[in-house]
């Protein structure tokens, strides 16, 4: 299909999609907070202070959708700044929680904004204000109008650490006539695995534009611990009733239904492992109170990290469960765990990043639903670096066996480190590719 026709259809339908999505956007914004903060930026309007930062030079524009992509972007930004300190960088985010995480890293060389809505006149205004040297898209999110306007201006567009699951590939191929004209405007794509190449070619990216550099997300060169944050979390647990010598089973990035599954499993495990305690980090922090109510109804004593109610009845006979309903702390929580269960793999679809806990040296369990991480999971399972189980009923015996077998846990940790060696240096390789573009542009 001709490109002009694709954009005619897209821009005709876009207002309707925006209106349909507005209620959900508002509800999510209210739950997560920060909805009205800098809302004008989404429409291309900025405060004088931000406009003044744009005047300092043509920045490298990096776009990341939510918290996970922002953390990945920050790894790249850190290496970029260390390599070329004079480069100005603009980081845009889509969600309010991602903005909060990114904004903590605002610096003289780094400006953080909300990503503008993908309306042509809004994008045009923002591009004229920013005057970017390049656009670097992190992992997956591609906005058609933004891509078109930058392409028309001769500004390079690169998709780094590109992620395309088999399920997404099938969905894109159903609309290939609409997708290909947009994707063909991307100048370069970097992917973690050889298996990713064919998927991106199938949706319109020329093979000679794709480079296999390994995964920035799985690059442990920068996977260092924040000891201050780890100590802060540990102290919070102890202050809120965690016995000092406890072993922690940690549920990371959990989704609805998985919290109760973990709570019931942990309670059963207490019979053989009386020193075991459960900490839950929900994928969406705003679900904290909802999770607490579910667990309280089931007879547990939930303790929220972020709450107006600070008193905890330490004499209660109920089983305590600690819920970290905050953002940006997941990596540090993993360092405190004895064993990790990755969420969205039992009661959701797609799964969550299985590598983060492995990078921190923890035996890791995932459920059957890891569709968004097929390649890395297959490699980790083949290398005996992770445990994938068939369903809910296997969780208790699997965790019980691992807690009782330190030798098996050590083997998983050792195999995990070996399996991820191929991704070491991916961040540096990605930065070199970006800098090559800057020097040639």
Protein backbone atom coordinates (compact mmCIF):
# COMPACT_ATOMS: atom_id res chain seq x y z
CA UNK A 1 0.00 0.00 0.00
CA UNK A 2 1.36 3.48 -0.86
CA UNK A 3 2.76 5.32 2.14
CA UNK A 4 0.57 8.40 1.65
CA UNK A 5 -2.54 6.21 1.78
CA UNK A 6 -1.38 4.48 4.97
CA UNK A 7 -0.96 7.85 6.65
CA UNK A 8 -4.26 9.14 5.32
CA UNK A 9 -6.06 6.18 6.91
CA UNK A 10 -4.01 6.39 10.13
CA UNK A 11 -4.63 10.09 10.66
CA UNK A 12 -8.32 9.71 9.83
CA UNK A 13 -8.73 7.03 12.50
CA UNK A 14 -6.34 8.53 15.07
CA UNK A 15 -8.76 11.06 16.66
CA UNK A 16 -11.28 8.31 17.30
CA UNK A 17 -8.68 6.04 18.89
CA UNK A 18 -7.44 8.90 21.08
CA UNK A 19 -10.97 9.64 22.28
CA UNK A 20 -11.68 5.97 22.95
CA UNK A 21 -8.46 5.62 24.91
CA UNK A 22 -8.88 8.85 26.88
CA UNK A 23 -10.98 7.42 29.76
CA UNK A 24 -8.51 4.58 30.39
CA UNK A 25 -5.63 7.07 30.18
CA UNK A 26 -7.25 9.32 32.77
CA UNK A 27 -8.08 6.44 35.12
CA UNK A 28 -4.56 5.07 34.89
CA UNK A 29 -3.10 8.54 35.38
CA UNK A 30 -5.20 9.12 38.50
CA UNK A 31 -4.18 5.75 39.96
CA UNK A 32 -0.50 6.25 39.26
CA UNK A 33 -0.47 9.96 40.05
CA UNK A 34 1.16 12.82 38.17
CA UNK A 35 -1.54 13.04 35.49
CA UNK A 36 -1.66 16.84 35.38
CA UNK A 37 2.03 17.37 36.02
CA UNK A 38 3.58 18.69 32.81
CA UNK A 39 0.51 17.54 30.89
CA UNK A 40 1.04 20.36 28.39
CA UNK A 41 4.24 18.67 27.24
CA UNK A 42 2.14 15.91 25.67
CA UNK A 43 0.65 18.61 23.42
CA UNK A 44 3.99 20.19 22.58
CA UNK A 45 4.00 23.06 25.09
CA UNK A 46 6.86 23.51 27.52
CA UNK A 47 7.76 25.81 30.40
CA UNK A 48 10.38 28.50 29.81
CA UNK A 49 12.94 26.55 31.85
CA UNK A 50 12.60 23.53 29.55
CA UNK A 51 12.64 25.67 26.42
CA UNK A 52 15.85 27.23 27.64
CA UNK A 53 17.43 23.75 27.92
CA UNK A 54 16.51 23.08 24.28
CA UNK A 55 18.60 26.08 23.23
CA UNK A 56 21.85 24.49 24.41
CA UNK A 57 22.34 22.40 21.29
CA UNK A 58 20.95 19.70 19.01
CA UNK A 59 20.31 16.78 21.37
CA UNK A 60 20.23 13.06 20.84
CA UNK A 61 16.55 12.20 21.39
CA UNK A 62 15.92 8.89 23.16
CA UNK A 63 12.35 7.66 23.64
CA UNK A 64 11.36 5.04 26.23
CA UNK A 65 7.80 3.99 26.99
CA UNK A 66 7.57 2.87 30.60
CA UNK A 67 9.80 2.13 33.59
CA UNK A 68 11.53 -0.94 32.12
CA UNK A 69 12.50 0.88 28.93
CA UNK A 70 13.58 3.96 30.90
CA UNK A 71 15.96 1.89 33.02
CA UNK A 72 17.41 0.41 29.84
CA UNK A 73 17.69 3.89 28.31
CA UNK A 74 19.53 5.13 31.41
CA UNK A 75 22.14 2.39 30.95
CA UNK A 76 22.73 3.62 27.41
CA UNK A 77 22.74 7.27 28.52
CA UNK A 78 25.29 6.58 31.23
CA UNK A 79 27.66 4.95 28.75
CA UNK A 80 27.02 7.67 26.15
CA UNK A 81 27.92 10.40 28.63
CA UNK A 82 31.05 8.59 29.78
CA UNK A 83 32.15 8.14 26.17
CA UNK A 84 31.17 11.58 24.82
CA UNK A 85 30.51 13.98 27.73
CA UNK A 86 29.68 16.90 25.40
CA UNK A 87 26.59 15.24 23.92
CA UNK A 88 23.24 16.69 24.97
CA UNK A 89 20.52 14.09 25.47
CA UNK A 90 16.73 14.38 25.59
CA UNK A 91 14.81 11.47 27.13
CA UNK A 92 11.06 11.27 26.50
CA UNK A 93 8.71 8.87 28.27
CA UNK A 94 5.09 7.84 27.84
CA UNK A 95 3.88 6.89 31.33
CA UNK A 96 3.83 9.08 34.44
CA UNK A 97 5.70 6.49 36.51
CA UNK A 98 8.43 6.29 33.87
CA UNK A 99 8.69 10.07 33.87
CA UNK A 100 9.18 10.09 37.65
CA UNK A 101 11.95 7.51 37.41
CA UNK A 102 13.67 9.33 34.54
CA UNK A 103 13.28 12.76 36.12
CA UNK A 104 15.42 11.68 39.07
CA UNK A 105 18.34 11.55 36.61
CA UNK A 106 17.86 14.99 35.06
CA UNK A 107 21.26 16.60 34.66
CA UNK A 108 22.94 19.45 32.84
CA UNK A 109 23.39 17.12 29.85
CA UNK A 110 20.03 15.29 30.21
CA UNK A 111 16.54 16.74 29.83
CA UNK A 112 13.44 14.62 30.53
CA UNK A 113 10.02 15.28 28.96
CA UNK A 114 6.71 13.54 28.34
CA UNK A 115 6.47 12.18 24.82
CA UNK A 116 4.17 14.28 22.60
CA UNK A 117 0.97 12.70 21.35
CA UNK A 118 1.36 11.39 17.78
CA UNK A 119 -0.59 14.17 16.04
CA UNK A 120 1.19 15.77 13.04
CA UNK A 121 1.04 19.43 14.15
CA UNK A 122 2.11 18.49 17.70
CA UNK A 123 5.07 16.48 16.44
CA UNK A 124 6.03 19.25 14.04
CA UNK A 125 6.13 21.81 16.84
CA UNK A 126 8.19 19.58 19.13
CA UNK A 127 10.70 18.68 16.40
CA UNK A 128 11.21 22.36 15.55
CA UNK A 129 11.82 23.15 19.23
CA UNK A 130 14.15 20.23 19.91
CA UNK A 131 15.96 20.03 16.55
CA UNK A 132 17.24 16.51 17.33
CA UNK A 133 20.32 14.94 15.75
CA UNK A 134 18.84 11.44 15.93
CA UNK A 135 15.86 9.62 17.39
CA UNK A 136 16.66 6.45 19.33
CA UNK A 137 13.61 4.29 20.06
CA UNK A 138 13.99 1.79 22.89
CA UNK A 139 12.72 -1.76 22.26
CA UNK A 140 9.33 -1.50 20.57
CA UNK A 141 7.25 1.69 20.50
CA UNK A 142 7.10 3.29 17.04
CA UNK A 143 4.88 6.33 16.42
CA UNK A 144 4.00 6.64 12.69
CA UNK A 145 3.66 10.45 12.45
CA UNK A 146 6.80 11.09 14.47
CA UNK A 147 8.75 8.64 12.31
CA UNK A 148 7.45 10.19 9.10
CA UNK A 149 8.24 13.77 10.07
CA UNK A 150 11.76 12.95 11.18
CA UNK A 151 12.35 10.87 8.07
CA UNK A 152 11.16 13.74 5.85
CA UNK A 153 13.69 16.02 7.58
CA UNK A 154 16.53 13.56 7.05
CA UNK A 155 16.93 12.89 10.79
CA UNK A 156 18.10 9.30 11.42
CA UNK A 157 15.78 6.97 13.33
CA UNK A 158 17.16 3.94 15.14
CA UNK A 159 15.40 1.19 17.04
CA UNK A 160 17.74 -0.31 19.64
CA UNK A 161 17.44 -3.52 21.60
CA UNK A 162 14.44 -4.18 19.38
CA UNK A 163 11.97 -6.68 20.75
CA UNK A 164 9.42 -8.49 18.58
CA UNK A 165 7.85 -11.63 20.00
CA UNK A 166 6.40 -14.31 17.69
CA UNK A 167 2.92 -13.24 18.83
CA UNK A 168 3.59 -9.58 17.93
CA UNK A 169 5.09 -10.68 14.64
CA UNK A 170 1.92 -12.57 13.75
CA UNK A 171 -0.20 -9.56 14.70
CA UNK A 172 1.90 -7.19 12.59
CA UNK A 173 1.86 -9.52 9.61
CA UNK A 174 -1.94 -9.45 9.58
CA UNK A 175 -1.65 -5.70 8.93
CA UNK A 176 1.54 -5.85 6.89
CA UNK A 177 0.27 -3.47 4.20
CA UNK A 178 -0.08 -0.79 6.88
CA UNK A 179 2.99 -1.71 8.94
CA UNK A 180 5.65 -2.07 6.24
CA UNK A 181 5.48 1.54 4.92
CA UNK A 182 6.05 2.84 8.47
CA UNK A 183 8.77 0.41 9.53
CA UNK A 184 10.67 0.85 6.26
CA UNK A 185 11.50 4.43 7.33
CA UNK A 186 13.65 3.23 10.24
CA UNK A 187 17.34 3.58 9.39
CA UNK A 188 18.80 0.98 11.70
CA UNK A 189 17.66 -1.74 14.10
CA UNK A 190 19.74 -3.55 16.71
CA UNK A 191 18.50 -6.88 18.05
CA UNK A 192 19.61 -9.22 20.87
CA UNK A 193 19.45 -12.55 19.00
CA UNK A 194 19.97 -13.93 15.51
CA UNK A 195 16.42 -15.29 15.69
CA UNK A 196 15.13 -11.71 15.87
CA UNK A 197 16.50 -10.81 12.45
CA UNK A 198 13.99 -12.81 10.40
CA UNK A 199 11.08 -11.42 12.43
CA UNK A 200 12.02 -7.82 11.74
CA UNK A 201 12.68 -8.54 8.07
CA UNK A 202 9.18 -10.04 7.84
CA UNK A 203 7.60 -6.74 8.95
CA UNK A 204 9.43 -4.46 6.57
CA UNK A 205 12.97 -3.82 7.85
CA UNK A 206 15.72 -4.42 5.25
CA UNK A 207 18.18 -7.08 6.34
CA UNK A 208 21.17 -4.80 5.83
CA UNK A 209 19.74 -2.36 8.38
CA UNK A 210 19.67 -4.94 11.19
CA UNK A 211 22.61 -5.61 13.50
CA UNK A 212 22.83 -8.31 16.17
CA UNK A 213 24.52 -6.67 19.17
CA UNK A 214 23.21 -8.68 22.11
CA UNK A 215 20.78 -7.38 24.70
CA UNK A 216 21.43 -4.15 26.58
CA UNK A 217 18.91 -5.32 29.15
CA UNK A 218 20.87 -8.53 29.71
CA UNK A 219 24.29 -6.86 29.72
CA UNK A 220 25.56 -7.30 33.26
CA UNK A 221 28.50 -4.97 32.78
CA UNK A 222 26.45 -2.30 34.53
CA UNK A 223 24.39 -4.61 36.73
CA UNK A 224 25.96 -3.31 39.91
CA UNK A 225 24.18 -3.18 43.22
CA UNK A 226 23.03 0.03 44.85
CA UNK A 227 24.15 -0.83 48.36
CA UNK A 228 22.51 2.22 49.91
CA UNK A 229 19.15 1.31 48.39
CA UNK A 230 19.52 -2.37 49.32
CA UNK A 231 20.29 -1.45 52.93
CA UNK A 232 17.35 0.94 52.97
CA UNK A 233 14.99 -1.81 51.79
CA UNK A 234 16.37 -4.33 54.25
CA UNK A 235 16.00 -1.88 57.13
CA UNK A 236 12.42 -1.15 56.10
CA UNK A 237 11.60 -4.86 56.17
CA UNK A 238 13.11 -5.30 59.63
CA UNK A 239 11.34 -2.20 60.96
CA UNK A 240 8.08 -3.68 59.68
CA UNK A 241 8.36 -7.09 61.29
CA UNK A 242 10.71 -9.19 59.15
CA UNK A 243 12.89 -11.42 61.37
CA UNK A 244 16.56 -10.60 60.76
CA UNK A 245 17.66 -14.07 59.69
CA UNK A 246 14.79 -14.70 57.29
CA UNK A 247 15.13 -16.11 53.80
CA UNK A 248 13.05 -14.20 51.25
CA UNK A 249 10.97 -15.64 48.44
CA UNK A 250 10.37 -12.70 46.12
CA UNK A 251 7.57 -12.38 43.58
CA UNK A 252 8.76 -9.90 40.94
CA UNK A 253 6.48 -7.93 38.59
CA UNK A 254 3.37 -9.83 39.67
CA UNK A 255 -0.05 -9.56 38.03
CA UNK A 256 -3.56 -10.07 39.35
CA UNK A 257 -4.02 -13.54 40.86
CA UNK A 258 -0.34 -14.25 41.30
CA UNK A 259 -0.07 -12.50 44.67
CA UNK A 260 -2.56 -14.87 46.28
CA UNK A 261 -0.88 -17.85 44.60
CA UNK A 262 2.47 -16.81 46.06
CA UNK A 263 0.98 -16.13 49.49
CA UNK A 264 -0.64 -19.55 49.69
CA UNK A 265 2.54 -21.23 48.43
CA UNK A 266 4.69 -19.40 50.98
CA UNK A 267 2.33 -20.41 53.78
CA UNK A 268 2.63 -24.09 52.81
CA UNK A 269 6.41 -23.79 52.55
CA UNK A 270 6.60 -22.56 56.14
CA UNK A 271 6.12 -26.13 57.35
CA UNK A 272 9.50 -27.20 55.96
CA UNK A 273 11.15 -23.75 55.89
CA UNK A 274 10.03 -21.78 58.94
CA UNK A 275 12.51 -18.97 58.18
CA UNK A 276 10.94 -18.23 54.78
CA UNK A 277 9.13 -14.91 54.23
CA UNK A 278 7.39 -13.49 51.17
CA UNK A 279 7.97 -10.11 49.52
CA UNK A 280 5.85 -9.09 46.53
CA UNK A 281 6.67 -6.40 43.97
CA UNK A 282 3.62 -5.87 41.73
CA UNK A 283 4.22 -4.89 38.11
CA UNK A 284 1.92 -1.90 38.61
CA UNK A 285 2.57 -0.13 41.89
CA UNK A 286 -0.89 1.41 41.99
CA UNK A 287 -2.35 -2.07 42.60
CA UNK A 288 -0.82 -2.11 46.08
CA UNK A 289 -4.00 -1.40 48.04
CA UNK A 290 -6.04 -3.77 45.87
CA UNK A 291 -3.52 -6.56 46.53
CA UNK A 292 -3.52 -5.77 50.24
CA UNK A 293 -7.32 -6.14 50.39
CA UNK A 294 -7.21 -9.48 48.57
CA UNK A 295 -4.57 -10.86 50.91
CA UNK A 296 -6.28 -9.51 54.00
CA UNK A 297 -9.54 -11.18 52.95
CA UNK A 298 -7.60 -14.45 52.56
CA UNK A 299 -6.33 -14.19 56.14
CA UNK A 300 -2.89 -12.67 55.62
CA UNK A 301 -1.40 -9.50 57.07
CA UNK A 302 -0.22 -7.35 54.12
CA UNK A 303 2.32 -4.59 54.80
CA UNK A 304 2.60 -1.91 52.13
CA UNK A 305 5.85 -0.07 51.55
CA UNK A 306 3.98 3.04 50.40
CA UNK A 307 0.95 3.80 52.58
CA UNK A 308 -0.53 6.42 54.86
CA UNK A 309 -1.02 3.76 57.51
CA UNK A 310 2.32 3.11 59.19
CA UNK A 311 1.26 1.04 62.21
CA UNK A 312 1.61 -2.73 61.99
CA UNK A 313 0.26 -5.09 64.63
CA UNK A 314 3.45 -7.09 65.24
CA UNK A 315 1.65 -9.35 67.72
CA UNK A 316 -0.82 -10.57 65.11
CA UNK A 317 -0.74 -14.30 64.41
CA UNK A 318 -1.53 -13.70 60.74
CA UNK A 319 1.18 -14.47 58.17
CA UNK A 320 2.87 -11.20 57.21
CA UNK A 321 3.50 -10.40 53.54
CA UNK A 322 5.46 -7.35 52.48
CA UNK A 323 4.29 -5.51 49.35
CA UNK A 324 6.69 -3.08 47.64
CA UNK A 325 4.20 -0.87 45.84
CA UNK A 326 6.87 1.52 44.55
CA UNK A 327 8.68 1.93 41.24
CA UNK A 328 12.33 1.79 40.25
CA UNK A 329 13.42 -0.51 43.11
CA UNK A 330 12.98 -3.96 41.58
CA UNK A 331 16.67 -4.59 40.84
CA UNK A 332 17.61 -3.75 44.44
CA UNK A 333 14.87 -6.01 45.82
CA UNK A 334 16.28 -8.94 43.83
CA UNK A 335 19.57 -8.66 45.71
CA UNK A 336 17.71 -9.40 48.96
CA UNK A 337 16.00 -12.56 47.70
CA UNK A 338 16.86 -16.17 48.35
CA UNK A 339 14.72 -17.30 45.42
CA UNK A 340 12.71 -15.36 42.79
CA UNK A 341 9.42 -16.12 41.06
CA UNK A 342 8.83 -13.95 37.98
CA UNK A 343 5.30 -12.62 37.53
CA UNK A 344 2.89 -12.44 34.61
CA UNK A 345 4.00 -15.95 33.76
CA UNK A 346 1.25 -17.75 35.73
CA UNK A 347 -1.87 -15.54 35.66
CA UNK A 348 -1.01 -13.32 32.71
CA UNK A 349 0.29 -13.60 29.18
CA UNK A 350 3.70 -12.64 27.84
CA UNK A 351 5.72 -12.83 31.03
CA UNK A 352 8.17 -10.32 32.48
CA UNK A 353 11.93 -9.95 32.20
CA UNK A 354 13.46 -13.20 33.52
CA UNK A 355 17.06 -12.00 33.35
CA UNK A 356 17.10 -9.29 36.02
CA UNK A 357 17.09 -11.76 38.94
CA UNK A 358 19.63 -13.99 37.18
CA UNK A 359 21.95 -11.01 36.80
CA UNK A 360 21.78 -10.51 40.56
CA UNK A 361 22.74 -14.15 41.14
CA UNK A 362 19.43 -15.64 42.24
CA UNK A 363 17.78 -18.98 41.35
CA UNK A 364 14.79 -17.99 39.24
CA UNK A 365 11.46 -19.65 38.47
CA UNK A 366 9.00 -18.71 35.72
CA UNK A 367 5.60 -20.09 34.78
CA UNK A 368 4.40 -21.34 31.39
CA UNK A 369 3.34 -17.99 29.92
CA UNK A 370 6.56 -16.35 28.70
CA UNK A 371 5.56 -15.57 25.11
CA UNK A 372 7.33 -12.19 25.02
CA UNK A 373 10.66 -13.77 25.99
CA UNK A 374 10.66 -16.93 23.88
CA UNK A 375 14.27 -16.70 22.69
CA UNK A 376 15.92 -15.90 26.00
CA UNK A 377 13.78 -18.45 27.88
CA UNK A 378 14.58 -21.24 25.43
CA UNK A 379 18.29 -20.47 25.75
CA UNK A 380 18.18 -20.27 29.54
CA UNK A 381 16.21 -23.53 29.85
CA UNK A 382 18.60 -25.28 27.45
CA UNK A 383 21.55 -24.07 29.53
CA UNK A 384 19.86 -25.13 32.80
CA UNK A 385 20.01 -21.51 33.96
CA UNK A 386 16.35 -21.06 34.90
CA UNK A 387 13.44 -23.24 36.01
CA UNK A 388 10.26 -23.05 33.92
CA UNK A 389 7.29 -24.93 35.32
CA UNK A 390 4.06 -26.04 33.71
CA UNK A 391 1.58 -24.30 36.02
CA UNK A 392 0.33 -23.34 39.49
CA UNK A 393 0.39 -26.86 40.87
CA UNK A 394 4.14 -27.16 40.27
CA UNK A 395 5.12 -24.01 42.16
CA UNK A 396 5.12 -25.42 45.68
CA UNK A 397 7.14 -28.59 45.01
CA UNK A 398 9.60 -26.69 42.81
CA UNK A 399 10.32 -23.95 45.35
CA UNK A 400 10.41 -26.52 48.15
CA UNK A 401 13.00 -28.59 46.29
CA UNK A 402 15.21 -25.59 45.51
CA UNK A 403 15.12 -24.28 49.07
CA UNK A 404 16.19 -27.73 50.25
CA UNK A 405 19.00 -28.16 47.71
CA UNK A 406 21.71 -25.43 47.86
CA UNK A 407 23.83 -27.35 45.32
CA UNK A 408 21.06 -27.16 42.74
CA UNK A 409 20.63 -23.42 43.39
CA UNK A 410 24.36 -22.83 42.99
CA UNK A 411 24.28 -24.68 39.65
CA UNK A 412 21.42 -22.50 38.40
CA UNK A 413 23.27 -19.33 39.40
CA UNK A 414 26.51 -20.51 37.79
CA UNK A 415 24.77 -21.59 34.58
CA UNK A 416 22.86 -18.31 34.45
CA UNK A 417 26.04 -16.26 34.57
CA UNK A 418 27.54 -18.37 31.78
CA UNK A 419 24.43 -18.13 29.59
CA UNK A 420 24.39 -14.34 29.80
CA UNK A 421 28.05 -13.86 28.93
CA UNK A 422 27.16 -13.48 25.26
CA UNK A 423 25.38 -10.20 26.09
CA UNK A 424 28.32 -8.64 27.90
CA UNK A 425 29.35 -5.45 26.16
CA UNK A 426 25.99 -5.01 24.39
CA UNK A 427 25.56 -1.55 25.93
CA UNK A 428 28.96 -0.41 24.71
CA UNK A 429 28.35 -1.85 21.23
CA UNK A 430 24.99 -0.08 21.04
CA UNK A 431 26.54 3.23 22.09
CA UNK A 432 29.26 2.87 19.46
CA UNK A 433 26.58 2.36 16.80
CA UNK A 434 24.75 5.49 17.97
CA UNK A 435 27.94 7.56 17.99
CA UNK A 436 28.84 6.38 14.48
CA UNK A 437 25.56 7.86 13.32
CA UNK A 438 26.19 11.15 15.09
CA UNK A 439 29.66 11.52 13.60
CA UNK A 440 28.41 10.80 10.09
CA UNK A 441 25.30 13.00 10.28
